Protein backbone atom coordinates (compact mmCIF):
# COMPACT_ATOMS: atom_id res chain seq x y z
CA MET A 1 -39.32 16.02 -6.50
CA MET A 2 -39.47 19.39 -8.39
CA ALA A 3 -40.37 22.53 -6.66
CA PRO A 4 -43.36 24.28 -8.21
CA ALA A 5 -42.63 27.06 -10.70
CA GLN A 6 -42.89 30.63 -9.28
CA THR A 7 -45.35 32.73 -10.97
CA MET A 8 -44.43 36.31 -11.49
CA THR A 9 -47.12 38.89 -11.74
CA SER A 10 -46.44 42.27 -13.39
CA ARG A 11 -48.19 45.36 -12.09
CA VAL A 12 -48.24 48.93 -13.33
CA GLY A 13 -49.16 51.88 -11.45
CA PHE A 14 -50.11 55.40 -12.55
CA GLY A 15 -49.50 58.58 -10.56
CA TYR A 16 -50.49 62.16 -11.27
CA ASP A 17 -49.96 65.22 -9.15
CA VAL A 18 -50.43 68.89 -9.63
CA HIS A 19 -49.90 72.03 -7.42
CA ARG A 20 -50.59 75.65 -8.11
CA PHE A 21 -47.94 78.21 -8.12
CA GLU A 22 -48.33 81.46 -6.25
CA GLU A 23 -46.54 84.65 -6.94
CA THR A 24 -43.69 85.73 -4.43
CA HIS A 25 -44.09 89.18 -3.01
CA ASP A 26 -40.60 90.21 -3.48
CA THR A 27 -39.69 90.18 -7.17
CA ASP A 28 -35.98 90.58 -6.44
CA GLN A 29 -36.04 87.27 -4.49
CA ASN A 30 -36.26 83.83 -6.10
CA THR A 31 -37.64 80.93 -4.07
CA GLN A 32 -37.10 77.30 -4.67
CA ILE A 33 -39.51 74.48 -5.76
CA MET A 34 -38.85 70.74 -5.49
CA LEU A 35 -38.99 68.59 -8.70
CA CYS A 36 -37.90 64.95 -8.36
CA GLY A 37 -36.11 65.54 -5.23
CA ILE A 38 -34.10 68.60 -6.40
CA ALA A 39 -34.40 72.18 -5.29
CA ILE A 40 -34.80 74.53 -8.22
CA ASP A 41 -34.66 78.28 -8.08
CA HIS A 42 -37.92 79.60 -9.33
CA ASP A 43 -39.84 83.04 -9.20
CA GLN A 44 -42.92 81.42 -7.79
CA ALA A 45 -43.66 79.26 -4.87
CA VAL A 46 -45.63 75.92 -4.85
CA ILE A 47 -48.84 75.90 -2.80
CA ALA A 48 -48.63 72.59 -0.90
CA HIS A 49 -48.86 71.00 2.60
CA SER A 50 -45.64 69.09 2.16
CA ASP A 51 -42.69 70.42 -0.14
CA GLY A 52 -45.07 69.96 -3.14
CA ASP A 53 -42.64 67.81 -5.23
CA VAL A 54 -45.05 66.78 -7.99
CA GLY A 55 -42.56 64.29 -9.39
CA LEU A 56 -42.08 62.44 -6.16
CA HIS A 57 -45.87 62.61 -5.36
CA ALA A 58 -46.74 61.04 -8.64
CA LEU A 59 -44.23 58.27 -8.37
CA THR A 60 -45.36 57.53 -4.77
CA ASP A 61 -48.95 57.26 -5.98
CA ALA A 62 -47.93 54.99 -8.80
CA ILE A 63 -46.15 52.61 -6.50
CA LEU A 64 -48.91 52.56 -4.02
CA GLY A 65 -51.43 52.06 -6.82
CA ALA A 66 -49.58 49.09 -8.16
CA ILE A 67 -49.85 47.29 -4.82
CA GLY A 68 -53.52 48.35 -4.10
CA ASP A 69 -52.40 50.39 -1.09
CA GLY A 70 -54.32 53.54 -1.31
CA ASP A 71 -52.59 56.85 -2.29
CA ILE A 72 -50.31 59.45 -0.91
CA GLY A 73 -53.16 61.14 1.05
CA THR A 74 -54.13 58.00 2.67
CA HIS A 75 -50.75 57.46 4.22
CA PHE A 76 -49.69 61.11 4.62
CA PRO A 77 -52.92 63.19 4.99
CA PRO A 78 -52.56 66.93 4.48
CA SER A 79 -54.89 67.21 7.54
CA ASP A 80 -52.13 66.04 9.68
CA GLU A 81 -49.74 68.70 10.77
CA LYS A 82 -46.94 66.21 11.20
CA TRP A 83 -46.55 66.26 7.30
CA ARG A 84 -46.49 70.09 6.91
CA HIS A 85 -43.40 71.08 4.87
CA ALA A 86 -42.34 67.44 4.91
CA SER A 87 -39.75 66.28 2.39
CA SER A 88 -41.52 64.15 -0.42
CA ASP A 89 -38.46 61.81 -0.08
CA LEU A 90 -39.96 60.38 2.94
CA PHE A 91 -43.19 59.50 1.03
CA LEU A 92 -41.33 57.73 -1.72
CA ILE A 93 -39.07 55.84 0.63
CA ASP A 94 -42.26 54.76 2.45
CA ALA A 95 -43.94 53.61 -0.71
CA CYS A 96 -40.87 51.58 -1.80
CA ARG A 97 -40.71 49.92 1.62
CA ARG A 98 -44.40 48.95 1.32
CA LEU A 99 -43.76 47.52 -2.26
CA ALA A 100 -40.93 45.33 -0.82
CA GLU A 101 -43.09 44.33 2.11
CA ASN A 102 -45.62 43.09 -0.56
CA SER A 103 -42.95 41.03 -2.28
CA GLY A 104 -42.87 43.56 -5.12
CA LYS A 105 -39.83 45.00 -6.92
CA LEU A 106 -39.56 48.24 -8.70
CA VAL A 107 -37.88 47.71 -12.05
CA ASN A 108 -38.11 51.08 -13.67
CA CYS A 109 -39.82 54.34 -13.37
CA ASP A 110 -40.77 57.11 -15.94
CA ILE A 111 -41.88 60.65 -14.82
CA THR A 112 -43.22 63.32 -17.14
CA ILE A 113 -43.21 66.87 -15.73
CA ILE A 114 -45.89 69.13 -17.45
CA ALA A 115 -44.97 72.84 -16.71
CA GLU A 116 -44.14 75.94 -18.56
CA ALA A 117 -41.47 76.70 -16.09
CA PRO A 118 -39.05 75.86 -14.78
CA LYS A 119 -37.07 74.27 -17.43
CA VAL A 120 -36.36 70.62 -16.37
CA LEU A 121 -33.42 69.96 -18.78
CA PRO A 122 -30.71 71.69 -16.87
CA HIS A 123 -31.83 69.73 -13.76
CA ARG A 124 -32.50 66.33 -15.43
CA ASN A 125 -29.20 64.60 -14.58
CA ALA A 126 -29.44 65.49 -10.90
CA MET A 127 -33.08 64.32 -10.89
CA LEU A 128 -32.08 60.96 -12.41
CA GLU A 129 -29.35 60.61 -9.71
CA LYS A 130 -31.76 61.47 -6.88
CA LEU A 131 -34.49 59.15 -8.29
CA ALA A 132 -32.04 56.22 -8.48
CA GLU A 133 -30.80 56.87 -4.96
CA LEU A 134 -34.24 57.06 -3.42
CA THR A 135 -35.63 53.94 -5.36
CA GLY A 136 -32.36 51.72 -5.35
CA LEU A 137 -32.72 51.53 -9.17
CA ASP A 138 -29.93 51.87 -11.56
CA GLN A 139 -29.81 55.32 -13.23
CA ASN A 140 -30.55 53.72 -16.68
CA ALA A 141 -33.89 52.41 -15.20
CA VAL A 142 -35.14 55.96 -14.36
CA SER A 143 -36.53 58.47 -16.80
CA VAL A 144 -37.52 62.06 -16.39
CA LYS A 145 -39.11 63.97 -19.23
CA ALA A 146 -40.67 67.32 -19.45
CA THR A 147 -43.35 69.01 -21.62
CA THR A 148 -45.37 72.17 -21.64
CA SER A 149 -49.19 72.58 -21.90
CA GLU A 150 -48.57 74.86 -24.81
CA GLY A 151 -49.81 77.79 -22.73
CA MET A 152 -53.32 76.20 -22.19
């Protein structure tokens, strides 16, 4: 007797996230922002409830969307003080866990950062390493790109 063939379904999720910058009051002091799990010195701070990592937030939403499980705000509402200043690593790890619980497997991810600053290229390799670590993917299955909005 032959076992029935397994049917594989591919799903694609899309995530998008944006946070405003705010000027720091001390012009001699840089602050740090988080991008794809990496702390980057910057002259402005991100206004956010958690650490404001737009790369990890977008990827988290993409994974949750692919399995039809709401969005980052559903699972980690900004109204809950428990998530104030939380590391976005936690959100992505939880989304990957939910994916696995739904018999899913992440096979690659592609993130585009749209920002005038900071420059992503000097931090790109560290971002790729961090994303591979958080998702369990090989580094060649992870992509981070950057573009500007041409000053719009």
